[in-house]
Structures are given as structure tokens and as C-alpha cells.
Amino acid sequence: MMLVNRVRELRARYRMTQQDLADKIGVSRQTIGMIEKEDYAPSVTLALKIAKVFETTVEDVFQIDEGSEH
């Protein structure tokens, strides 16, 4: 099971850089990069902040892919 996400896609749609998103939610640009590469699963609080920036739900941004192993 692994957590997959649409952060890169949504960030592009909103024309935001990794740094823009990082500044809005109070993390480093490197953290955003790790989330996008699915190397880091954000906390619930951080996932909620990301969803709020993109005006959507956590479930729309993050999904569990039960068929994949990381």
C-alpha cells in the first residue's frame, strides 16, 4: 500500500512553484518535492493545509493505492 497524490498536478493548475506552496503552508520547498515524489507522507494537518490551498478535499489530493508497494 502506498499514498499517491495529485500535488504536482494541482500546483501546476494553480501556477504555483514548489516554493509558493511551501510558503503558503509553512514547510520547506524540499518537503513539497518529497511529497510530490511520494517519498514522504504528510501528516493529517499538513494534508488538510494542502487541500485548503487547492480549495478541495484531502481525498481529492491524496489516495491510497492498495495495489502498489513502495
Protein backbone atom coordinates (compact mmCIF):
# COMPACT_ATOMS: atom_id res chain seq x y z
CA MET A 1 0.00 0.00 0.00
CA MET A 2 1.25 3.48 -0.79
CA LEU A 3 -0.04 7.01 -0.64
CA VAL A 4 -0.32 8.63 -4.06
CA ASN A 5 -1.13 12.26 -4.66
CA ARG A 6 -2.02 14.95 -7.17
CA VAL A 7 0.04 17.76 -5.59
CA ARG A 8 2.23 18.36 -8.66
CA GLU A 9 -0.82 18.38 -10.96
CA LEU A 10 -2.78 20.77 -8.75
CA ARG A 11 0.22 23.03 -8.21
CA ALA A 12 0.65 23.31 -12.00
CA ARG A 13 -3.07 24.06 -12.42
CA TYR A 14 -2.76 26.88 -9.88
CA ARG A 15 0.51 28.06 -11.49
CA MET A 16 2.43 27.72 -8.26
CA THR A 17 6.04 26.80 -7.74
CA GLN A 18 7.07 24.35 -5.05
CA GLN A 19 8.32 27.36 -3.08
CA ASP A 20 4.96 29.16 -3.44
CA LEU A 21 3.12 26.17 -1.99
CA ALA A 22 5.73 25.68 0.72
CA ASP A 23 5.38 29.32 1.81
CA LYS A 24 1.58 29.05 1.96
CA ILE A 25 1.60 26.00 4.24
CA GLY A 26 4.74 26.70 6.28
CA VAL A 27 7.13 23.97 5.12
CA SER A 28 10.31 23.86 3.04
CA ARG A 29 10.41 23.54 -0.73
CA GLN A 30 12.22 20.24 -0.20
CA THR A 31 9.24 18.89 1.74
CA ILE A 32 6.93 19.69 -1.19
CA GLY A 33 9.35 17.93 -3.55
CA MET A 34 9.41 14.84 -1.34
CA ILE A 35 5.59 14.79 -1.14
CA GLU A 36 5.32 15.09 -4.92
CA LYS A 37 7.78 12.22 -5.42
CA GLU A 38 5.79 10.20 -2.88
CA ASP A 39 8.88 9.85 -0.71
CA TYR A 40 7.11 11.48 2.23
CA ALA A 41 3.56 11.02 3.54
CA PRO A 42 2.37 14.28 5.10
CA SER A 43 0.65 14.48 8.46
CA VAL A 44 -3.11 14.88 8.52
CA THR A 45 -2.66 18.55 9.43
CA LEU A 46 -0.32 19.15 6.51
CA ALA A 47 -2.59 17.25 4.12
CA LEU A 48 -5.51 19.44 5.24
CA LYS A 49 -3.46 22.60 4.65
CA ILE A 50 -2.52 21.44 1.15
CA ALA A 51 -6.14 20.62 0.30
CA LYS A 52 -7.27 24.03 1.57
CA VAL A 53 -4.77 25.84 -0.67
CA PHE A 54 -6.21 23.99 -3.67
CA GLU A 55 -9.81 24.51 -2.49
CA THR A 56 -10.56 20.80 -2.47
CA THR A 57 -10.73 17.82 -0.13
CA VAL A 58 -7.88 15.74 1.25
CA GLU A 59 -9.39 12.73 -0.57
CA ASP A 60 -9.13 14.59 -3.87
CA VAL A 61 -5.42 15.27 -3.32
CA PHE A 62 -4.29 12.06 -1.62
CA GLN A 63 -5.36 8.46 -2.26
CA ILE A 64 -4.19 5.09 -1.01
CA ASP A 65 -3.06 2.80 -3.83
CA GLU A 66 -3.52 -0.66 -2.36
CA GLY A 67 -2.10 -2.37 -5.45
CA SER A 68 1.36 -0.81 -5.21
CA GLU A 69 4.29 -1.44 -2.97
CA HIS A 70 6.83 1.30 -2.39
